[in-house]
Amino acid sequence: MTRRTRLARLVRRWRPDHNPLRRTADRIEAAIVTALLALFLSGAPVAAVAAGQWAAAAGLRAEYTQAAWHHVPAVLLRSAPEPVHAMFQGSLEPLVRAQWTAPDGTYRTGQVYAPGGARAGSTVEIWTDSSGRLTGSPMQGAGVVTRTALAAALATMIVAAVLAGLGLLAHWAVDRRRLAAWDARWAVTGPQWTGRR
């Protein structure tokens, strides 16, 4: 069967014609599928743009907040554990107690990541906020773009999942009506065929 024949069959199957063999339930189901497809084609781009704008705004707010973060040296108060055999080594550096100076001149202490085997008294670079509390490294522009794209894709998938769920629910409801109609017709036709009254 060629692609054109399959497409023609699909169109004939779902179009709202006056075929006496097509049941009302079939027409209702075709209308629901068409409506859900139209909702996806119109709603998914809107959801993607809205989610992308929200993620971009959140990323820009985070970049603005992180502009006040400082890169400061922290002195290790203990030695970091030696790295174990490379085959068993985790990808994260060990946490070690360290001390650093806050922007207001006070000393702060906390757990920081240090290279395996680093000795007490050595320094590692850390990020702190304007009050001297530890933070992660600031978000870069590429991180904002990645989060924006991820939010847009996730919004599209959520719209698709919700509409697919609605489609399955509608299909289930139409099938129940279709089966009830078949049962009602069989109750009338069945005795004529089987001879049972």
N, C-alpha and C. Protein backbone atom coordinates (compact mmCIF):
# COMPACT_ATOMS: atom_id res chain seq x y z
N MET A 1 0.86 -1.18 0.00
CA MET A 1 0.00 0.00 0.00
C MET A 1 0.90 1.23 0.00
N THR A 2 0.63 2.15 -0.88
CA THR A 2 1.46 3.35 -0.99
C THR A 2 1.08 4.34 0.10
N ARG A 3 1.96 5.30 0.23
CA ARG A 3 1.74 6.32 1.25
C ARG A 3 0.49 7.14 0.93
N ARG A 4 0.27 7.41 -0.35
CA ARG A 4 -0.89 8.20 -0.76
C ARG A 4 -2.18 7.46 -0.45
N THR A 5 -2.19 6.14 -0.68
CA THR A 5 -3.38 5.34 -0.41
C THR A 5 -3.68 5.32 1.08
N ARG A 6 -2.62 5.18 1.89
CA ARG A 6 -2.83 5.18 3.35
C ARG A 6 -3.38 6.52 3.82
N LEU A 7 -2.86 7.61 3.27
CA LEU A 7 -3.35 8.94 3.65
C LEU A 7 -4.81 9.11 3.23
N ALA A 8 -5.16 8.66 2.02
CA ALA A 8 -6.54 8.77 1.56
C ALA A 8 -7.47 7.95 2.44
N ARG A 9 -7.02 6.76 2.84
CA ARG A 9 -7.83 5.93 3.74
C ARG A 9 -8.05 6.61 5.09
N LEU A 10 -6.98 7.22 5.60
CA LEU A 10 -7.08 7.91 6.89
C LEU A 10 -8.05 9.08 6.81
N VAL A 11 -7.97 9.83 5.72
CA VAL A 11 -8.89 10.97 5.54
C VAL A 11 -10.33 10.47 5.43
N ARG A 12 -10.53 9.40 4.64
CA ARG A 12 -11.89 8.85 4.51
C ARG A 12 -12.42 8.35 5.84
N ARG A 13 -11.53 7.80 6.63
CA ARG A 13 -11.96 7.23 7.91
C ARG A 13 -12.44 8.29 8.89
N TRP A 14 -11.76 9.44 8.89
CA TRP A 14 -12.07 10.45 9.90
C TRP A 14 -12.93 11.61 9.40
N ARG A 15 -13.15 11.75 8.13
CA ARG A 15 -13.91 12.91 7.67
C ARG A 15 -15.38 12.78 8.07
N PRO A 16 -16.03 13.89 8.34
CA PRO A 16 -17.45 13.85 8.74
C PRO A 16 -18.36 13.77 7.51
N ASP A 17 -18.53 12.58 6.98
CA ASP A 17 -19.36 12.43 5.79
C ASP A 17 -20.73 11.83 6.17
N HIS A 18 -21.49 11.48 5.16
CA HIS A 18 -22.83 10.94 5.40
C HIS A 18 -22.85 9.43 5.15
N ASN A 19 -21.77 8.77 5.45
CA ASN A 19 -21.68 7.33 5.29
C ASN A 19 -22.65 6.67 6.27
N PRO A 20 -23.60 5.87 5.79
CA PRO A 20 -24.57 5.27 6.70
C PRO A 20 -23.94 4.23 7.64
N LEU A 21 -22.76 3.73 7.29
CA LEU A 21 -22.11 2.76 8.16
C LEU A 21 -21.30 3.42 9.28
N ARG A 22 -21.04 4.70 9.12
CA ARG A 22 -20.29 5.39 10.18
C ARG A 22 -21.25 5.78 11.29
N ARG A 23 -20.91 5.34 12.49
CA ARG A 23 -21.78 5.60 13.64
C ARG A 23 -21.55 7.00 14.20
N THR A 24 -22.49 7.46 14.96
CA THR A 24 -22.36 8.77 15.60
C THR A 24 -21.15 8.79 16.52
N ALA A 25 -20.90 7.68 17.20
CA ALA A 25 -19.74 7.61 18.10
C ALA A 25 -18.44 7.79 17.32
N ASP A 26 -18.38 7.27 16.10
CA ASP A 26 -17.18 7.44 15.28
C ASP A 26 -16.99 8.90 14.90
N ARG A 27 -18.08 9.57 14.57
CA ARG A 27 -17.99 11.00 14.21
C ARG A 27 -17.58 11.84 15.43
N ILE A 28 -18.14 11.48 16.59
CA ILE A 28 -17.78 12.21 17.82
C ILE A 28 -16.29 12.01 18.11
N GLU A 29 -15.83 10.78 17.99
CA GLU A 29 -14.42 10.50 18.25
C GLU A 29 -13.52 11.25 17.27
N ALA A 30 -13.91 11.30 16.01
CA ALA A 30 -13.14 12.05 15.01
C ALA A 30 -13.10 13.54 15.35
N ALA A 31 -14.23 14.07 15.80
CA ALA A 31 -14.27 15.49 16.18
C ALA A 31 -13.39 15.76 17.40
N ILE A 32 -13.39 14.83 18.35
CA ILE A 32 -12.55 15.00 19.55
C ILE A 32 -11.07 14.97 19.17
N VAL A 33 -10.69 14.02 18.33
CA VAL A 33 -9.29 13.93 17.89
C VAL A 33 -8.87 15.20 17.16
N THR A 34 -9.74 15.70 16.30
CA THR A 34 -9.44 16.93 15.57
C THR A 34 -9.29 18.11 16.53
N ALA A 35 -10.19 18.20 17.51
CA ALA A 35 -10.12 19.30 18.48
C ALA A 35 -8.85 19.20 19.33
N LEU A 36 -8.50 17.99 19.76
CA LEU A 36 -7.29 17.83 20.57
C LEU A 36 -6.04 18.16 19.77
N LEU A 37 -6.02 17.78 18.50
CA LEU A 37 -4.88 18.12 17.65
C LEU A 37 -4.77 19.62 17.46
N ALA A 38 -5.92 20.27 17.24
CA ALA A 38 -5.91 21.74 17.09
C ALA A 38 -5.46 22.41 18.39
N LEU A 39 -5.91 21.87 19.54
CA LEU A 39 -5.47 22.42 20.82
C LEU A 39 -3.97 22.27 21.00
N PHE A 40 -3.43 21.12 20.61
CA PHE A 40 -1.98 20.93 20.74
C PHE A 40 -1.23 21.89 19.84
N LEU A 41 -1.66 21.99 18.58
CA LEU A 41 -0.95 22.85 17.64
C LEU A 41 -1.02 24.33 18.03
N SER A 42 -2.08 24.72 18.72
CA SER A 42 -2.16 26.13 19.16
C SER A 42 -1.64 26.32 20.57
N GLY A 43 -1.84 25.33 21.44
CA GLY A 43 -1.46 25.49 22.85
C GLY A 43 0.00 25.20 23.15
N ALA A 44 0.59 24.25 22.45
CA ALA A 44 1.99 23.88 22.73
C ALA A 44 2.95 25.04 22.49
N PRO A 45 2.84 25.76 21.36
CA PRO A 45 3.75 26.90 21.18
C PRO A 45 3.55 27.99 22.23
N VAL A 46 2.30 28.24 22.60
CA VAL A 46 2.03 29.26 23.62
C VAL A 46 2.64 28.84 24.95
N ALA A 47 2.45 27.57 25.33
CA ALA A 47 3.01 27.07 26.58
C ALA A 47 4.53 27.10 26.55
N ALA A 48 5.12 26.74 25.41
CA ALA A 48 6.58 26.74 25.29
C ALA A 48 7.15 28.15 25.42
N VAL A 49 6.51 29.11 24.77
CA VAL A 49 6.99 30.50 24.85
C VAL A 49 6.83 31.03 26.27
N ALA A 50 5.69 30.76 26.89
CA ALA A 50 5.46 31.24 28.26
C ALA A 50 6.46 30.63 29.24
N ALA A 51 6.68 29.32 29.14
CA ALA A 51 7.64 28.66 30.03
C ALA A 51 9.05 29.16 29.76
N GLY A 52 9.39 29.36 28.49
CA GLY A 52 10.72 29.87 28.16
C GLY A 52 10.94 31.27 28.71
N GLN A 53 9.93 32.13 28.59
CA GLN A 53 10.06 33.49 29.12
C GLN A 53 10.19 33.48 30.65
N TRP A 54 9.41 32.59 31.29
CA TRP A 54 9.50 32.50 32.74
C TRP A 54 10.89 32.03 33.17
N ALA A 55 11.42 31.00 32.48
CA ALA A 55 12.74 30.48 32.83
C ALA A 55 13.83 31.51 32.55
N ALA A 56 13.69 32.23 31.45
CA ALA A 56 14.69 33.26 31.12
C ALA A 56 14.66 34.38 32.16
N ALA A 57 13.46 34.79 32.57
CA ALA A 57 13.36 35.84 33.59
C ALA A 57 13.95 35.37 34.91
N ALA A 58 13.66 34.11 35.28
CA ALA A 58 14.22 33.57 36.53
C ALA A 58 15.74 33.49 36.43
N GLY A 59 16.25 33.10 35.26
CA GLY A 59 17.70 33.03 35.08
C GLY A 59 18.35 34.40 35.16
N LEU A 60 17.71 35.40 34.58
CA LEU A 60 18.26 36.76 34.64
C LEU A 60 18.22 37.31 36.06
N ARG A 61 17.15 36.98 36.80
CA ARG A 61 17.10 37.39 38.21
C ARG A 61 18.23 36.73 38.99
N ALA A 62 18.45 35.44 38.71
CA ALA A 62 19.53 34.73 39.40
C ALA A 62 20.89 35.33 39.04
N GLU A 63 21.09 35.67 37.77
CA GLU A 63 22.36 36.29 37.37
C GLU A 63 22.54 37.64 38.05
N TYR A 64 21.45 38.41 38.19
CA TYR A 64 21.53 39.70 38.87
C TYR A 64 21.90 39.52 40.34
N THR A 65 21.26 38.54 40.99
CA THR A 65 21.57 38.25 42.39
C THR A 65 23.00 37.76 42.53
N GLN A 66 23.44 36.93 41.61
CA GLN A 66 24.77 36.34 41.70
C GLN A 66 25.88 37.31 41.32
N ALA A 67 25.52 38.47 40.79
CA ALA A 67 26.54 39.45 40.44
C ALA A 67 27.29 39.94 41.67
N ALA A 68 26.66 39.83 42.85
CA ALA A 68 27.30 40.28 44.09
C ALA A 68 28.14 39.18 44.73
N TRP A 69 28.20 38.01 44.13
CA TRP A 69 28.99 36.92 44.70
C TRP A 69 30.48 37.18 44.49
N HIS A 70 31.28 36.65 45.41
CA HIS A 70 32.72 36.89 45.37
C HIS A 70 33.47 35.56 45.28
N HIS A 71 34.58 35.59 44.58
CA HIS A 71 35.47 34.45 44.50
C HIS A 71 36.56 34.70 45.53
N VAL A 72 36.60 33.90 46.59
CA VAL A 72 37.55 34.14 47.68
C VAL A 72 38.34 32.86 47.98
N PRO A 73 39.55 33.02 48.54
CA PRO A 73 40.32 31.84 48.93
C PRO A 73 39.85 31.35 50.30
N ALA A 74 39.80 30.03 50.45
CA ALA A 74 39.46 29.41 51.73
C ALA A 74 40.64 28.54 52.15
N VAL A 75 41.03 28.65 53.42
CA VAL A 75 42.14 27.87 53.96
C VAL A 75 41.58 26.59 54.56
N LEU A 76 42.11 25.45 54.14
CA LEU A 76 41.64 24.16 54.65
C LEU A 76 42.11 23.99 56.08
N LEU A 77 41.21 23.63 56.98
CA LEU A 77 41.54 23.40 58.38
C LEU A 77 41.94 21.95 58.63
N ARG A 78 41.59 21.07 57.72
CA ARG A 78 41.96 19.65 57.80
C ARG A 78 42.45 19.21 56.43
N SER A 79 43.17 18.14 56.40
CA SER A 79 43.62 17.59 55.12
C SER A 79 42.48 16.83 54.46
N ALA A 80 42.43 16.90 53.16
CA ALA A 80 41.41 16.15 52.41
C ALA A 80 41.86 14.70 52.31
N PRO A 81 40.92 13.77 52.32
CA PRO A 81 41.31 12.36 52.18
C PRO A 81 42.03 12.13 50.85
N GLU A 82 42.96 11.19 50.90
CA GLU A 82 43.69 10.81 49.68
C GLU A 82 42.72 10.16 48.71
N PRO A 83 42.92 10.39 47.42
CA PRO A 83 42.05 9.71 46.46
C PRO A 83 42.30 8.20 46.51
N VAL A 84 41.22 7.45 46.39
CA VAL A 84 41.34 6.00 46.37
C VAL A 84 41.69 5.56 44.96
N HIS A 85 41.77 4.28 44.75
CA HIS A 85 42.09 3.76 43.42
C HIS A 85 41.15 4.38 42.40
N ALA A 86 41.65 4.74 41.24
CA ALA A 86 40.87 5.45 40.22
C ALA A 86 39.59 4.72 39.84
N MET A 87 39.63 3.39 39.90
CA MET A 87 38.45 2.62 39.51
C MET A 87 37.29 2.82 40.49
N PHE A 88 37.61 3.08 41.76
CA PHE A 88 36.58 3.23 42.78
C PHE A 88 36.35 4.68 43.18
N GLN A 89 37.04 5.60 42.57
CA GLN A 89 36.94 7.01 42.95
C GLN A 89 35.65 7.62 42.44
N GLY A 90 34.96 8.34 43.30
CA GLY A 90 33.76 9.06 42.89
C GLY A 90 34.14 10.29 42.10
N SER A 91 33.17 10.85 41.41
CA SER A 91 33.45 12.02 40.59
C SER A 91 33.50 13.30 41.41
N LEU A 92 32.99 13.28 42.66
CA LEU A 92 32.97 14.49 43.48
C LEU A 92 34.22 14.58 44.34
N GLU A 93 34.65 15.80 44.56
CA GLU A 93 35.78 16.02 45.46
C GLU A 93 35.27 15.90 46.89
N PRO A 94 36.15 15.55 47.84
CA PRO A 94 35.69 15.41 49.23
C PRO A 94 35.39 16.77 49.86
N LEU A 95 34.48 16.76 50.81
CA LEU A 95 34.17 17.95 51.59
C LEU A 95 35.14 18.04 52.77
N VAL A 96 35.71 19.24 52.96
CA VAL A 96 36.69 19.45 54.02
C VAL A 96 36.35 20.75 54.74
N ARG A 97 36.56 20.79 56.05
CA ARG A 97 36.30 22.02 56.81
C ARG A 97 37.36 23.06 56.44
N ALA A 98 36.89 24.30 56.19
CA ALA A 98 37.79 25.37 55.78
C ALA A 98 37.34 26.69 56.40
N GLN A 99 38.23 27.69 56.31
CA GLN A 99 37.94 29.02 56.86
C GLN A 99 38.23 30.06 55.79
N TRP A 100 37.39 31.11 55.72
CA TRP A 100 37.58 32.19 54.76
C TRP A 100 37.13 33.49 55.39
N THR A 101 37.48 34.59 54.74
CA THR A 101 37.15 35.91 55.25
C THR A 101 35.97 36.47 54.47
N ALA A 102 34.93 36.89 55.20
CA ALA A 102 33.74 37.49 54.58
C ALA A 102 34.07 38.92 54.16
N PRO A 103 33.25 39.52 53.28
CA PRO A 103 33.51 40.90 52.85
C PRO A 103 33.56 41.91 54.00
N ASP A 104 32.85 41.63 55.12
CA ASP A 104 32.88 42.56 56.24
C ASP A 104 34.08 42.33 57.16
N GLY A 105 34.98 41.38 56.79
CA GLY A 105 36.19 41.14 57.56
C GLY A 105 36.08 40.04 58.60
N THR A 106 34.91 39.50 58.84
CA THR A 106 34.76 38.42 59.82
C THR A 106 35.19 37.09 59.19
N TYR A 107 35.61 36.17 60.06
CA TYR A 107 36.01 34.85 59.59
C TYR A 107 34.80 33.92 59.59
N ARG A 108 34.70 33.13 58.54
CA ARG A 108 33.63 32.14 58.42
C ARG A 108 34.25 30.77 58.25
N THR A 109 33.55 29.74 58.72
CA THR A 109 34.01 28.37 58.51
C THR A 109 32.86 27.55 57.94
N GLY A 110 33.22 26.50 57.21
CA GLY A 110 32.22 25.62 56.64
C GLY A 110 32.88 24.51 55.85
N GLN A 111 32.06 23.64 55.28
CA GLN A 111 32.54 22.52 54.48
C GLN A 111 32.65 22.98 53.02
N VAL A 112 33.84 22.78 52.44
CA VAL A 112 34.07 23.14 51.05
C VAL A 112 34.64 21.93 50.31
N TYR A 113 34.49 21.92 49.01
CA TYR A 113 35.08 20.86 48.19
C TYR A 113 36.57 21.15 48.01
N ALA A 114 37.37 20.12 48.19
CA ALA A 114 38.82 20.27 48.04
C ALA A 114 39.34 19.10 47.21
N PRO A 115 40.44 19.32 46.50
CA PRO A 115 41.02 18.21 45.74
C PRO A 115 41.47 17.10 46.68
N GLY A 116 41.33 15.86 46.24
CA GLY A 116 41.77 14.73 47.06
C GLY A 116 43.25 14.85 47.40
N GLY A 117 43.58 14.68 48.68
CA GLY A 117 44.98 14.74 49.12
C GLY A 117 45.46 16.13 49.47
N ALA A 118 44.61 17.18 49.35
CA ALA A 118 45.03 18.54 49.70
C ALA A 118 45.32 18.59 51.20
N ARG A 119 46.41 19.25 51.57
CA ARG A 119 46.86 19.30 52.96
C ARG A 119 46.21 20.46 53.72
N ALA A 120 46.13 20.31 55.03
CA ALA A 120 45.63 21.39 55.89
C ALA A 120 46.54 22.60 55.70
N GLY A 121 45.93 23.79 55.62
CA GLY A 121 46.69 25.02 55.41
C GLY A 121 46.75 25.44 53.95
N SER A 122 46.45 24.53 53.04
CA SER A 122 46.43 24.92 51.62
C SER A 122 45.12 25.66 51.33
N THR A 123 45.07 26.37 50.21
CA THR A 123 43.88 27.16 49.90
C THR A 123 43.16 26.61 48.68
N VAL A 124 41.86 26.80 48.69
CA VAL A 124 41.02 26.49 47.53
C VAL A 124 40.14 27.70 47.27
N GLU A 125 39.76 27.90 46.03
CA GLU A 125 38.89 29.03 45.68
C GLU A 125 37.43 28.62 45.85
N ILE A 126 36.65 29.50 46.50
CA ILE A 126 35.22 29.25 46.72
C ILE A 126 34.44 30.49 46.33
N TRP A 127 33.13 30.33 46.22
CA TRP A 127 32.23 31.45 45.93
C TRP A 127 31.41 31.73 47.17
N THR A 128 31.29 33.03 47.53
CA THR A 128 30.46 33.44 48.66
C THR A 128 29.54 34.57 48.21
N ASP A 129 28.44 34.73 48.95
CA ASP A 129 27.55 35.86 48.64
C ASP A 129 28.06 37.10 49.35
N SER A 130 27.31 38.18 49.29
CA SER A 130 27.77 39.46 49.86
C SER A 130 27.90 39.42 51.38
N SER A 131 27.24 38.45 52.04
CA SER A 131 27.38 38.34 53.49
C SER A 131 28.45 37.33 53.89
N GLY A 132 29.07 36.67 52.93
CA GLY A 132 30.13 35.72 53.23
C GLY A 132 29.70 34.28 53.33
N ARG A 133 28.41 34.00 53.09
CA ARG A 133 27.94 32.60 53.12
C ARG A 133 28.35 31.89 51.84
N LEU A 134 28.60 30.59 51.96
CA LEU A 134 28.99 29.78 50.80
C LEU A 134 27.86 29.72 49.78
N THR A 135 28.23 29.75 48.53
CA THR A 135 27.27 29.57 47.45
C THR A 135 27.90 28.62 46.43
N GLY A 136 27.13 28.22 45.46
CA GLY A 136 27.70 27.48 44.34
C GLY A 136 28.32 28.45 43.37
N SER A 137 28.86 27.95 42.30
CA SER A 137 29.42 28.86 41.29
C SER A 137 28.26 29.55 40.58
N PRO A 138 28.45 30.79 40.16
CA PRO A 138 27.36 31.54 39.52
C PRO A 138 26.93 30.90 38.20
N MET A 139 25.67 31.13 37.87
CA MET A 139 25.12 30.63 36.61
C MET A 139 25.69 31.46 35.47
N GLN A 140 26.11 30.78 34.43
CA GLN A 140 26.63 31.46 33.25
C GLN A 140 25.50 31.66 32.24
N GLY A 141 25.74 32.46 31.21
CA GLY A 141 24.73 32.72 30.18
C GLY A 141 24.27 31.45 29.50
N ALA A 142 25.17 30.50 29.31
CA ALA A 142 24.80 29.23 28.67
C ALA A 142 23.82 28.45 29.56
N GLY A 143 23.98 28.58 30.87
CA GLY A 143 23.06 27.91 31.79
C GLY A 143 21.65 28.47 31.68
N VAL A 144 21.53 29.77 31.49
CA VAL A 144 20.22 30.40 31.33
C VAL A 144 19.57 29.91 30.04
N VAL A 145 20.35 29.84 28.97
CA VAL A 145 19.83 29.38 27.68
C VAL A 145 19.37 27.93 27.79
N THR A 146 20.18 27.09 28.45
CA THR A 146 19.83 25.68 28.62
C THR A 146 18.55 25.53 29.42
N ARG A 147 18.45 26.27 30.51
CA ARG A 147 17.23 26.18 31.33
C ARG A 147 16.00 26.68 30.57
N THR A 148 16.18 27.72 29.78
CA THR A 148 15.06 28.25 28.99
C THR A 148 14.58 27.21 27.97
N ALA A 149 15.52 26.60 27.27
CA ALA A 149 15.15 25.57 26.28
C ALA A 149 14.52 24.37 26.96
N LEU A 150 15.05 23.97 28.10
CA LEU A 150 14.49 22.84 28.83
C LEU A 150 13.07 23.13 29.31
N ALA A 151 12.84 24.34 29.81
CA ALA A 151 11.50 24.71 30.26
C ALA A 151 10.51 24.72 29.10
N ALA A 152 10.93 25.22 27.95
CA ALA A 152 10.05 25.25 26.77
C ALA A 152 9.72 23.82 26.32
N ALA A 153 10.72 22.96 26.28
CA ALA A 153 10.49 21.57 25.87
C ALA A 153 9.60 20.85 26.87
N LEU A 154 9.83 21.08 28.15
CA LEU A 154 9.03 20.43 29.18
C LEU A 154 7.58 20.90 29.12
N ALA A 155 7.36 22.18 28.87
CA ALA A 155 5.99 22.70 28.74
C ALA A 155 5.28 22.05 27.57
N THR A 156 5.99 21.87 26.46
CA THR A 156 5.39 21.21 25.28
C THR A 156 5.01 19.78 25.61
N MET A 157 5.90 19.07 26.32
CA MET A 157 5.62 17.68 26.69
C MET A 157 4.44 17.58 27.66
N ILE A 158 4.33 18.55 28.56
CA ILE A 158 3.21 18.53 29.52
C ILE A 158 1.90 18.76 28.79
N VAL A 159 1.88 19.72 27.86
CA VAL A 159 0.67 19.95 27.07
C VAL A 159 0.29 18.69 26.30
N ALA A 160 1.29 18.04 25.68
CA ALA A 160 1.02 16.82 24.93
C ALA A 160 0.50 15.72 25.85
N ALA A 161 1.08 15.58 27.03
CA ALA A 161 0.65 14.53 27.96
C ALA A 161 -0.78 14.77 28.45
N VAL A 162 -1.09 16.02 28.77
CA VAL A 162 -2.45 16.34 29.25
C VAL A 162 -3.47 16.07 28.15
N LEU A 163 -3.16 16.52 26.93
CA LEU A 163 -4.10 16.31 25.83
C LEU A 163 -4.21 14.82 25.47
N ALA A 164 -3.11 14.09 25.56
CA ALA A 164 -3.17 12.64 25.32
C ALA A 164 -4.03 11.96 26.37
N GLY A 165 -3.90 12.39 27.62
CA GLY A 165 -4.74 11.84 28.68
C GLY A 165 -6.21 12.14 28.44
N LEU A 166 -6.51 13.37 28.02
CA LEU A 166 -7.89 13.72 27.70
C LEU A 166 -8.40 12.90 26.53
N GLY A 167 -7.53 12.69 25.53
CA GLY A 167 -7.91 11.87 24.38
C GLY A 167 -8.22 10.44 24.77
N LEU A 168 -7.39 9.86 25.64
CA LEU A 168 -7.65 8.49 26.11
C LEU A 168 -8.93 8.41 26.91
N LEU A 169 -9.17 9.42 27.74
CA LEU A 169 -10.41 9.46 28.52
C LEU A 169 -11.62 9.57 27.60
N ALA A 170 -11.53 10.43 26.59
CA ALA A 170 -12.63 10.59 25.63
C ALA A 170 -12.83 9.29 24.84
N HIS A 171 -11.74 8.65 24.44
CA HIS A 171 -11.84 7.38 23.71
C HIS A 171 -12.53 6.32 24.57
N TRP A 172 -12.17 6.26 25.82
CA TRP A 172 -12.80 5.30 26.75
C TRP A 172 -14.30 5.57 26.86
N ALA A 173 -14.68 6.86 27.00
CA ALA A 173 -16.09 7.21 27.14
C ALA A 173 -16.86 6.88 25.85
N VAL A 174 -16.27 7.19 24.70
CA VAL A 174 -16.94 6.90 23.42
C VAL A 174 -17.05 5.39 23.23
N ASP A 175 -16.01 4.66 23.59
CA ASP A 175 -16.07 3.20 23.48
C ASP A 175 -17.17 2.60 24.35
N ARG A 176 -17.35 3.14 25.52
CA ARG A 176 -18.44 2.65 26.39
C ARG A 176 -19.79 2.88 25.73
N ARG A 177 -19.96 4.04 25.14
CA ARG A 177 -21.23 4.32 24.44
C ARG A 177 -21.39 3.40 23.22
N ARG A 178 -20.27 3.21 22.51
CA ARG A 178 -20.30 2.34 21.33
C ARG A 178 -20.67 0.91 21.73
N LEU A 179 -20.08 0.40 22.80
CA LEU A 179 -20.40 -0.96 23.26
C LEU A 179 -21.84 -1.06 23.77
N ALA A 180 -22.30 -0.01 24.43
CA ALA A 180 -23.70 -0.01 24.88
C ALA A 180 -24.65 -0.04 23.69
N ALA A 181 -24.32 0.70 22.62
CA ALA A 181 -25.16 0.71 21.42
C ALA A 181 -25.13 -0.66 20.75
N TRP A 182 -23.95 -1.30 20.69
CA TRP A 182 -23.87 -2.64 20.12
C TRP A 182 -24.70 -3.64 20.92
N ASP A 183 -24.62 -3.53 22.25
CA ASP A 183 -25.42 -4.43 23.10
C ASP A 183 -26.91 -4.23 22.85
N ALA A 184 -27.33 -2.96 22.73
CA ALA A 184 -28.75 -2.68 22.50
C ALA A 184 -29.19 -3.22 21.14
N ARG A 185 -28.37 -3.05 20.13
CA ARG A 185 -28.74 -3.57 18.81
C ARG A 185 -28.72 -5.10 18.78
N TRP A 186 -27.76 -5.68 19.48
CA TRP A 186 -27.70 -7.14 19.52
C TRP A 186 -28.90 -7.72 20.26
N ALA A 187 -29.37 -7.00 21.26
CA ALA A 187 -30.56 -7.47 21.99
C ALA A 187 -31.76 -7.54 21.05
N VAL A 188 -31.79 -6.68 20.05
CA VAL A 188 -32.89 -6.69 19.08
C VAL A 188 -32.60 -7.70 17.96
N THR A 189 -31.37 -7.71 17.44
CA THR A 189 -31.02 -8.54 16.29
C THR A 189 -30.68 -9.97 16.67
N GLY A 190 -30.04 -10.18 17.78
CA GLY A 190 -29.57 -11.50 18.20
C GLY A 190 -30.64 -12.58 18.19
N PRO A 191 -31.80 -12.33 18.77
CA PRO A 191 -32.83 -13.37 18.78
C PRO A 191 -33.29 -13.76 17.38
N GLN A 192 -33.25 -12.83 16.43
CA GLN A 192 -33.65 -13.17 15.06
C GLN A 192 -32.66 -14.13 14.42
N TRP A 193 -31.38 -14.02 14.75
CA TRP A 193 -30.36 -14.87 14.17
C TRP A 193 -30.26 -16.22 14.87
N THR A 194 -30.40 -16.19 16.17
CA THR A 194 -30.18 -17.42 16.94
C THR A 194 -31.47 -18.21 17.13
N GLY A 195 -32.58 -17.61 16.90
CA GLY A 195 -33.86 -18.29 17.10
C GLY A 195 -34.33 -18.25 18.54
N ARG A 196 -33.59 -17.60 19.43
CA ARG A 196 -34.00 -17.50 20.83
C ARG A 196 -34.86 -16.27 21.01
N ARG A 197 -35.87 -16.41 21.79
CA ARG A 197 -36.78 -15.27 22.03
C ARG A 197 -36.73 -14.86 23.48
